[in-house]
Amino acid sequence: MPPPDDGCRLKGMQMARKPRKYYTLVALVDGRWGVQFGAYERGDVVAERAAYIENGEAKAKELKIITTGDKVEEINAAVAKLNGEG
């Protein structure tokens, strides 16, 4: 006989994590895109991009902001795609 329903059926079960958007600044270095900075707030990444340009670390055409989920695998897959690997 199953235990009585005490209203706590989800107790002990893990809730699925809601995916969050993650913004990543990537830079073109030696012909390949690579991760430079990332954050959950797009404004933070835009500010970082502006700092790279202002400090002369990169030209605007060498920088992109990509949007993915927040898992490392998702970010790596997006960068691989930019590099023609995916």
PDB file of N, CA and C in Angstrom:
ATOM      1  N   MET A   1       0.841  -1.169   0.000  1.00  0.00           N
ATOM      2  CA  MET A   1       0.000   0.000   0.000  1.00  0.00           C
ATOM      3  C   MET A   1       0.896   1.245   0.000  1.00  0.00           C
ATOM      4  N   PRO A   2       0.624   2.231  -0.901  1.00  0.00           N
ATOM      5  CA  PRO A   2       1.455   3.437  -0.957  1.00  0.00           C
ATOM      6  C   PRO A   2       1.257   4.290   0.285  1.00  0.00           C
ATOM      7  N   PRO A   3       2.271   5.092   0.614  1.00  0.00           N
ATOM      8  CA  PRO A   3       2.134   5.961   1.788  1.00  0.00           C
ATOM      9  C   PRO A   3       1.046   7.000   1.545  1.00  0.00           C
ATOM     10  N   PRO A   4       0.455   7.512   2.604  1.00  0.00           N
ATOM     11  CA  PRO A   4      -0.590   8.524   2.436  1.00  0.00           C
ATOM     12  C   PRO A   4      -0.014   9.794   1.812  1.00  0.00           C
ATOM     13  N   ASP A   5      -0.848  10.487   1.063  1.00  0.00           N
ATOM     14  CA  ASP A   5      -0.439  11.737   0.425  1.00  0.00           C
ATOM     15  C   ASP A   5      -0.449  12.835   1.474  1.00  0.00           C
ATOM     16  N   ASP A   6       0.737  13.301   1.828  1.00  0.00           N
ATOM     17  CA  ASP A   6       0.817  14.363   2.835  1.00  0.00           C
ATOM     18  C   ASP A   6       0.992  15.742   2.201  1.00  0.00           C
ATOM     19  N   GLY A   7       0.784  15.834   0.884  1.00  0.00           N
ATOM     20  CA  GLY A   7       0.908  17.115   0.195  1.00  0.00           C
ATOM     21  C   GLY A   7       2.340  17.483  -0.130  1.00  0.00           C
ATOM     22  N   CYS A   8       3.244  16.566   0.096  1.00  0.00           N
ATOM     23  CA  CYS A   8       4.663  16.853  -0.137  1.00  0.00           C
ATOM     24  C   CYS A   8       5.247  15.918  -1.189  1.00  0.00           C
ATOM     25  N   ARG A   9       4.526  15.671  -2.231  1.00  0.00           N
ATOM     26  CA  ARG A   9       4.994  14.746  -3.263  1.00  0.00           C
ATOM     27  C   ARG A   9       6.314  15.186  -3.893  1.00  0.00           C
ATOM     28  N   LEU A  10       6.555  16.493  -3.966  1.00  0.00           N
ATOM     29  CA  LEU A  10       7.776  16.974  -4.597  1.00  0.00           C
ATOM     30  C   LEU A  10       8.965  16.964  -3.648  1.00  0.00           C
ATOM     31  N   LYS A  11       8.702  16.703  -2.382  1.00  0.00           N
ATOM     32  CA  LYS A  11       9.777  16.644  -1.411  1.00  0.00           C
ATOM     33  C   LYS A  11      10.730  15.525  -1.824  1.00  0.00           C
ATOM     34  N   GLY A  12      11.985  15.861  -1.950  1.00  0.00           N
ATOM     35  CA  GLY A  12      12.959  14.862  -2.357  1.00  0.00           C
ATOM     36  C   GLY A  12      13.172  14.811  -3.863  1.00  0.00           C
ATOM     37  N   MET A  13      12.255  15.381  -4.628  1.00  0.00           N
ATOM     38  CA  MET A  13      12.429  15.423  -6.081  1.00  0.00           C
ATOM     39  C   MET A  13      13.096  16.745  -6.434  1.00  0.00           C
ATOM     40  N   GLN A  14      13.989  16.700  -7.393  1.00  0.00           N
ATOM     41  CA  GLN A  14      14.638  17.933  -7.816  1.00  0.00           C
ATOM     42  C   GLN A  14      13.780  18.626  -8.857  1.00  0.00           C
ATOM     43  N   MET A  15      13.619  19.907  -8.693  1.00  0.00           N
ATOM     44  CA  MET A  15      12.874  20.698  -9.662  1.00  0.00           C
ATOM     45  C   MET A  15      13.802  21.008 -10.832  1.00  0.00           C
ATOM     46  N   ALA A  16      13.262  21.006 -12.031  1.00  0.00           N
ATOM     47  CA  ALA A  16      14.055  21.337 -13.209  1.00  0.00           C
ATOM     48  C   ALA A  16      14.439  22.808 -13.139  1.00  0.00           C
ATOM     49  N   ARG A  17      15.700  23.072 -13.434  1.00  0.00           N
ATOM     50  CA  ARG A  17      16.205  24.440 -13.410  1.00  0.00           C
ATOM     51  C   ARG A  17      15.771  25.163 -14.671  1.00  0.00           C
ATOM     52  N   LYS A  18      15.219  26.347 -14.503  1.00  0.00           N
ATOM     53  CA  LYS A  18      14.794  27.144 -15.648  1.00  0.00           C
ATOM     54  C   LYS A  18      16.041  27.723 -16.320  1.00  0.00           C
ATOM     55  N   PRO A  19      16.194  27.501 -17.623  1.00  0.00           N
ATOM     56  CA  PRO A  19      17.372  28.041 -18.306  1.00  0.00           C
ATOM     57  C   PRO A  19      17.373  29.569 -18.275  1.00  0.00           C
ATOM     58  N   ARG A  20      18.562  30.130 -18.137  1.00  0.00           N
ATOM     59  CA  ARG A  20      18.710  31.583 -18.133  1.00  0.00           C
ATOM     60  C   ARG A  20      19.549  31.998 -19.328  1.00  0.00           C
ATOM     61  N   LYS A  21      19.239  33.164 -19.871  1.00  0.00           N
ATOM     62  CA  LYS A  21      20.055  33.709 -20.952  1.00  0.00           C
ATOM     63  C   LYS A  21      21.401  34.129 -20.376  1.00  0.00           C
ATOM     64  N   TYR A  22      22.447  33.863 -21.151  1.00  0.00           N
ATOM     65  CA  TYR A  22      23.793  34.257 -20.753  1.00  0.00           C
ATOM     66  C   TYR A  22      24.431  34.969 -21.929  1.00  0.00           C
ATOM     67  N   TYR A  23      25.047  36.098 -21.652  1.00  0.00           N
ATOM     68  CA  TYR A  23      25.655  36.924 -22.688  1.00  0.00           C
ATOM     69  C   TYR A  23      27.171  36.787 -22.592  1.00  0.00           C
ATOM     70  N   THR A  24      27.801  36.523 -23.729  1.00  0.00           N
ATOM     71  CA  THR A  24      29.237  36.296 -23.755  1.00  0.00           C
ATOM     72  C   THR A  24      29.889  37.203 -24.780  1.00  0.00           C
ATOM     73  N   LEU A  25      30.959  37.866 -24.364  1.00  0.00           N
ATOM     74  CA  LEU A  25      31.771  38.660 -25.274  1.00  0.00           C
ATOM     75  C   LEU A  25      32.831  37.742 -25.850  1.00  0.00           C
ATOM     76  N   VAL A  26      32.867  37.660 -27.166  1.00  0.00           N
ATOM     77  CA  VAL A  26      33.894  36.868 -27.831  1.00  0.00           C
ATOM     78  C   VAL A  26      34.735  37.806 -28.688  1.00  0.00           C
ATOM     79  N   ALA A  27      36.016  37.464 -28.819  1.00  0.00           N
ATOM     80  CA  ALA A  27      36.943  38.284 -29.596  1.00  0.00           C
ATOM     81  C   ALA A  27      37.631  37.415 -30.635  1.00  0.00           C
ATOM     82  N   LEU A  28      37.902  38.029 -31.766  1.00  0.00           N
ATOM     83  CA  LEU A  28      38.613  37.360 -32.849  1.00  0.00           C
ATOM     84  C   LEU A  28      40.106  37.574 -32.627  1.00  0.00           C
ATOM     85  N   VAL A  29      40.811  36.481 -32.322  1.00  0.00           N
ATOM     86  CA  VAL A  29      42.251  36.529 -32.071  1.00  0.00           C
ATOM     87  C   VAL A  29      42.912  35.477 -32.948  1.00  0.00           C
ATOM     88  N   ASP A  30      43.833  35.924 -33.786  1.00  0.00           N
ATOM     89  CA  ASP A  30      44.540  35.018 -34.701  1.00  0.00           C
ATOM     90  C   ASP A  30      43.572  34.183 -35.535  1.00  0.00           C
ATOM     91  N   GLY A  31      42.492  34.809 -35.982  1.00  0.00           N
ATOM     92  CA  GLY A  31      41.542  34.147 -36.871  1.00  0.00           C
ATOM     93  C   GLY A  31      40.535  33.223 -36.205  1.00  0.00           C
ATOM     94  N   ARG A  32      40.513  33.207 -34.873  1.00  0.00           N
ATOM     95  CA  ARG A  32      39.572  32.338 -34.148  1.00  0.00           C
ATOM     96  C   ARG A  32      38.844  33.146 -33.079  1.00  0.00           C
ATOM     97  N   TRP A  33      37.559  32.832 -32.907  1.00  0.00           N
ATOM     98  CA  TRP A  33      36.760  33.474 -31.868  1.00  0.00           C
ATOM     99  C   TRP A  33      37.014  32.774 -30.543  1.00  0.00           C
ATOM    100  N   GLY A  34      37.150  33.559 -29.476  1.00  0.00           N
ATOM    101  CA  GLY A  34      37.348  33.004 -28.144  1.00  0.00           C
ATOM    102  C   GLY A  34      36.621  33.833 -27.100  1.00  0.00           C
ATOM    103  N   VAL A  35      36.254  33.200 -26.024  1.00  0.00           N
ATOM    104  CA  VAL A  35      35.513  33.846 -24.935  1.00  0.00           C
ATOM    105  C   VAL A  35      36.427  34.819 -24.186  1.00  0.00           C
ATOM    106  N   GLN A  36      35.903  36.028 -23.947  1.00  0.00           N
ATOM    107  CA  GLN A  36      36.635  37.041 -23.183  1.00  0.00           C
ATOM    108  C   GLN A  36      35.949  37.369 -21.863  1.00  0.00           C
ATOM    109  N   PHE A  37      34.617  37.373 -21.880  1.00  0.00           N
ATOM    110  CA  PHE A  37      33.865  37.814 -20.702  1.00  0.00           C
ATOM    111  C   PHE A  37      32.427  37.351 -20.847  1.00  0.00           C
ATOM    112  N   GLY A  38      31.766  37.089 -19.736  1.00  0.00           N
ATOM    113  CA  GLY A  38      30.363  36.699 -19.795  1.00  0.00           C
ATOM    114  C   GLY A  38      29.609  37.141 -18.554  1.00  0.00           C
ATOM    115  N   ALA A  39      28.289  37.341 -18.718  1.00  0.00           N
ATOM    116  CA  ALA A  39      27.450  37.773 -17.595  1.00  0.00           C
ATOM    117  C   ALA A  39      25.984  37.504 -17.924  1.00  0.00           C
ATOM    118  N   TYR A  40      25.160  37.493 -16.896  1.00  0.00           N
ATOM    119  CA  TYR A  40      23.718  37.322 -17.084  1.00  0.00           C
ATOM    120  C   TYR A  40      23.059  38.623 -17.544  1.00  0.00           C
ATOM    121  N   GLU A  41      23.686  39.744 -17.279  1.00  0.00           N
ATOM    122  CA  GLU A  41      23.144  41.048 -17.671  1.00  0.00           C
ATOM    123  C   GLU A  41      23.840  41.522 -18.941  1.00  0.00           C
ATOM    124  N   ARG A  42      23.060  41.745 -19.997  1.00  0.00           N
ATOM    125  CA  ARG A  42      23.637  42.186 -21.271  1.00  0.00           C
ATOM    126  C   ARG A  42      24.406  43.502 -21.111  1.00  0.00           C
ATOM    127  N   GLY A  43      23.887  44.396 -20.289  1.00  0.00           N
ATOM    128  CA  GLY A  43      24.547  45.684 -20.077  1.00  0.00           C
ATOM    129  C   GLY A  43      25.972  45.547 -19.570  1.00  0.00           C
ATOM    130  N   ASP A  44      26.227  44.552 -18.738  1.00  0.00           N
ATOM    131  CA  ASP A  44      27.584  44.312 -18.237  1.00  0.00           C
ATOM    132  C   ASP A  44      28.522  43.936 -19.376  1.00  0.00           C
ATOM    133  N   VAL A  45      28.023  43.125 -20.298  1.00  0.00           N
ATOM    134  CA  VAL A  45      28.846  42.671 -21.420  1.00  0.00           C
ATOM    135  C   VAL A  45      29.054  43.814 -22.417  1.00  0.00           C
ATOM    136  N   VAL A  46      28.031  44.620 -22.624  1.00  0.00           N
ATOM    137  CA  VAL A  46      28.158  45.791 -23.502  1.00  0.00           C
ATOM    138  C   VAL A  46      29.223  46.738 -22.946  1.00  0.00           C
ATOM    139  N   ALA A  47      29.222  46.949 -21.638  1.00  0.00           N
ATOM    140  CA  ALA A  47      30.214  47.823 -21.004  1.00  0.00           C
ATOM    141  C   ALA A  47      31.621  47.254 -21.160  1.00  0.00           C
ATOM    142  N   GLU A  48      31.761  45.960 -21.003  1.00  0.00           N
ATOM    143  CA  GLU A  48      33.070  45.316 -21.162  1.00  0.00           C
ATOM    144  C   GLU A  48      33.561  45.457 -22.602  1.00  0.00           C
ATOM    145  N   ARG A  49      32.653  45.281 -23.557  1.00  0.00           N
ATOM    146  CA  ARG A  49      32.995  45.442 -24.976  1.00  0.00           C
ATOM    147  C   ARG A  49      33.483  46.864 -25.239  1.00  0.00           C
ATOM    148  N   ALA A  50      32.774  47.841 -24.696  1.00  0.00           N
ATOM    149  CA  ALA A  50      33.158  49.248 -24.868  1.00  0.00           C
ATOM    150  C   ALA A  50      34.543  49.514 -24.283  1.00  0.00           C
ATOM    151  N   ALA A  51      34.845  48.910 -23.150  1.00  0.00           N
ATOM    152  CA  ALA A  51      36.155  49.087 -22.521  1.00  0.00           C
ATOM    153  C   ALA A  51      37.263  48.506 -23.399  1.00  0.00           C
ATOM    154  N   TYR A  52      37.021  47.348 -24.009  1.00  0.00           N
ATOM    155  CA  TYR A  52      38.010  46.750 -24.914  1.00  0.00           C
ATOM    156  C   TYR A  52      38.315  47.709 -26.060  1.00  0.00           C
ATOM    157  N   ILE A  53      37.278  48.312 -26.614  1.00  0.00           N
ATOM    158  CA  ILE A  53      37.447  49.225 -27.746  1.00  0.00           C
ATOM    159  C   ILE A  53      38.143  50.509 -27.286  1.00  0.00           C
ATOM    160  N   GLU A  54      37.674  51.073 -26.182  1.00  0.00           N
ATOM    161  CA  GLU A  54      38.231  52.326 -25.656  1.00  0.00           C
ATOM    162  C   GLU A  54      39.707  52.187 -25.296  1.00  0.00           C
ATOM    163  N   ASN A  55      40.088  51.044 -24.731  1.00  0.00           N
ATOM    164  CA  ASN A  55      41.478  50.812 -24.321  1.00  0.00           C
ATOM    165  C   ASN A  55      42.369  50.367 -25.473  1.00  0.00           C
ATOM    166  N   GLY A  56      41.784  50.218 -26.656  1.00  0.00           N
ATOM    167  CA  GLY A  56      42.567  49.803 -27.815  1.00  0.00           C
ATOM    168  C   GLY A  56      42.938  48.329 -27.820  1.00  0.00           C
ATOM    169  N   GLU A  57      42.265  47.541 -26.987  1.00  0.00           N
ATOM    170  CA  GLU A  57      42.559  46.108 -26.921  1.00  0.00           C
ATOM    171  C   GLU A  57      42.000  45.356 -28.115  1.00  0.00           C
ATOM    172  N   ALA A  58      40.959  45.904 -28.746  1.00  0.00           N
ATOM    173  CA  ALA A  58      40.343  45.255 -29.910  1.00  0.00           C
ATOM    174  C   ALA A  58      39.552  46.292 -30.690  1.00  0.00           C
ATOM    175  N   LYS A  59      39.351  46.002 -31.961  1.00  0.00           N
ATOM    176  CA  LYS A  59      38.490  46.833 -32.804  1.00  0.00           C
ATOM    177  C   LYS A  59      37.070  46.289 -32.708  1.00  0.00           C
ATOM    178  N   ALA A  60      36.099  47.149 -32.965  1.00  0.00           N
ATOM    179  CA  ALA A  60      34.692  46.750 -32.862  1.00  0.00           C
ATOM    180  C   ALA A  60      34.387  45.529 -33.723  1.00  0.00           C
ATOM    181  N   LYS A  61      34.963  45.458 -34.921  1.00  0.00           N
ATOM    182  CA  LYS A  61      34.674  44.332 -35.814  1.00  0.00           C
ATOM    183  C   LYS A  61      35.274  43.015 -35.316  1.00  0.00           C
ATOM    184  N   GLU A  62      36.158  43.089 -34.327  1.00  0.00           N
ATOM    185  CA  GLU A  62      36.778  41.888 -33.763  1.00  0.00           C
ATOM    186  C   GLU A  62      36.056  41.390 -32.512  1.00  0.00           C
ATOM    187  N   LEU A  63      34.942  42.024 -32.167  1.00  0.00           N
ATOM    188  CA  LEU A  63      34.195  41.668 -30.958  1.00  0.00           C
ATOM    189  C   LEU A  63      32.742  41.378 -31.297  1.00  0.00           C
ATOM    190  N   LYS A  64      32.192  40.375 -30.633  1.00  0.00           N
ATOM    191  CA  LYS A  64      30.776  40.038 -30.782  1.00  0.00           C
ATOM    192  C   LYS A  64      30.220  39.700 -29.412  1.00  0.00           C
ATOM    193  N   ILE A  65      28.927  39.950 -29.263  1.00  0.00           N
ATOM    194  CA  ILE A  65      28.214  39.486 -28.074  1.00  0.00           C
ATOM    195  C   ILE A  65      27.265  38.397 -28.540  1.00  0.00           C
ATOM    196  N   ILE A  66      27.400  37.221 -27.944  1.00  0.00           N
ATOM    197  CA  ILE A  66      26.513  36.111 -28.288  1.00  0.00           C
ATOM    198  C   ILE A  66      25.602  35.813 -27.102  1.00  0.00           C
ATOM    199  N   THR A  67      24.438  35.281 -27.400  1.00  0.00           N
ATOM    200  CA  THR A  67      23.460  34.936 -26.368  1.00  0.00           C
ATOM    201  C   THR A  67      23.216  33.435 -26.420  1.00  0.00           C
ATOM    202  N   THR A  68      23.364  32.792 -25.282  1.00  0.00           N
ATOM    203  CA  THR A  68      23.153  31.347 -25.178  1.00  0.00           C
ATOM    204  C   THR A  68      22.480  31.062 -23.840  1.00  0.00           C
ATOM    205  N   GLY A  69      22.312  29.784 -23.558  1.00  0.00           N
ATOM    206  CA  GLY A  69      21.960  29.379 -22.208  1.00  0.00           C
ATOM    207  C   GLY A  69      23.205  29.526 -21.347  1.00  0.00           C
ATOM    208  N   ASP A  70      23.083  29.274 -20.057  1.00  0.00           N
ATOM    209  CA  ASP A  70      24.220  29.510 -19.168  1.00  0.00           C
ATOM    210  C   ASP A  70      25.086  28.285 -18.889  1.00  0.00           C
ATOM    211  N   LYS A  71      24.877  27.229 -19.626  1.00  0.00           N
ATOM    212  CA  LYS A  71      25.725  26.049 -19.449  1.00  0.00           C
ATOM    213  C   LYS A  71      26.977  26.185 -20.313  1.00  0.00           C
ATOM    214  N   VAL A  72      28.105  25.764 -19.774  1.00  0.00           N
ATOM    215  CA  VAL A  72      29.382  25.858 -20.480  1.00  0.00           C
ATOM    216  C   VAL A  72      29.304  25.174 -21.838  1.00  0.00           C
ATOM    217  N   GLU A  73      28.619  24.050 -21.893  1.00  0.00           N
ATOM    218  CA  GLU A  73      28.504  23.311 -23.155  1.00  0.00           C
ATOM    219  C   GLU A  73      27.794  24.138 -24.227  1.00  0.00           C
ATOM    220  N   GLU A  74      26.790  24.907 -23.827  1.00  0.00           N
ATOM    221  CA  GLU A  74      26.057  25.748 -24.785  1.00  0.00           C
ATOM    222  C   GLU A  74      26.942  26.881 -25.302  1.00  0.00           C
ATOM    223  N   ILE A  75      27.702  27.479 -24.409  1.00  0.00           N
ATOM    224  CA  ILE A  75      28.598  28.569 -24.797  1.00  0.00           C
ATOM    225  C   ILE A  75      29.682  28.036 -25.732  1.00  0.00           C
ATOM    226  N   ASN A  76      30.289  26.916 -25.356  1.00  0.00           N
ATOM    227  CA  ASN A  76      31.343  26.331 -26.192  1.00  0.00           C
ATOM    228  C   ASN A  76      30.825  25.947 -27.570  1.00  0.00           C
ATOM    229  N   ALA A  77      29.613  25.431 -27.646  1.00  0.00           N
ATOM    230  CA  ALA A  77      29.026  25.052 -28.935  1.00  0.00           C
ATOM    231  C   ALA A  77      28.808  26.282 -29.813  1.00  0.00           C
ATOM    232  N   ALA A  78      28.369  27.386 -29.216  1.00  0.00           N
ATOM    233  CA  ALA A  78      28.144  28.613 -29.982  1.00  0.00           C
ATOM    234  C   ALA A  78      29.461  29.174 -30.510  1.00  0.00           C
ATOM    235  N   VAL A  79      30.505  29.129 -29.705  1.00  0.00           N
ATOM    236  CA  VAL A  79      31.820  29.613 -30.142  1.00  0.00           C
ATOM    237  C   VAL A  79      32.370  28.698 -31.235  1.00  0.00           C
ATOM    238  N   ALA A  80      32.193  27.401 -31.078  1.00  0.00           N
ATOM    239  CA  ALA A  80      32.643  26.455 -32.108  1.00  0.00           C
ATOM    240  C   ALA A  80      31.942  26.737 -33.431  1.00  0.00           C
ATOM    241  N   LYS A  81      30.659  27.058 -33.365  1.00  0.00           N
ATOM    242  CA  LYS A  81      29.900  27.370 -34.582  1.00  0.00           C
ATOM    243  C   LYS A  81      30.457  28.625 -35.257  1.00  0.00           C
ATOM    244  N   LEU A  82      30.792  29.641 -34.462  1.00  0.00           N
ATOM    245  CA  LEU A  82      31.403  30.849 -35.020  1.00  0.00           C
ATOM    246  C   LEU A  82      32.718  30.523 -35.728  1.00  0.00           C
ATOM    247  N   ASN A  83      33.424  29.549 -35.193  1.00  0.00           N
ATOM    248  CA  ASN A  83      34.708  29.148 -35.767  1.00  0.00           C
ATOM    249  C   ASN A  83      34.558  28.128 -36.892  1.00  0.00           C
ATOM    250  N   GLY A  84      33.313  27.874 -37.306  1.00  0.00           N
ATOM    251  CA  GLY A  84      33.066  26.946 -38.406  1.00  0.00           C
ATOM    252  C   GLY A  84      33.244  25.490 -38.041  1.00  0.00           C
ATOM    253  N   GLU A  85      33.130  25.193 -36.757  1.00  0.00           N
ATOM    254  CA  GLU A  85      33.336  23.820 -36.285  1.00  0.00           C
ATOM    255  C   GLU A  85      32.035  23.118 -35.925  1.00  0.00           C
ATOM    256  N   GLY A  86      30.930  23.810 -36.050  1.00  0.00           N
ATOM    257  CA  GLY A  86      29.709  23.169 -35.587  1.00  0.00           C
ATOM    258  C   GLY A  86      28.562  23.243 -36.513  1.00  0.00           C
TER     259      GLY A  86
END
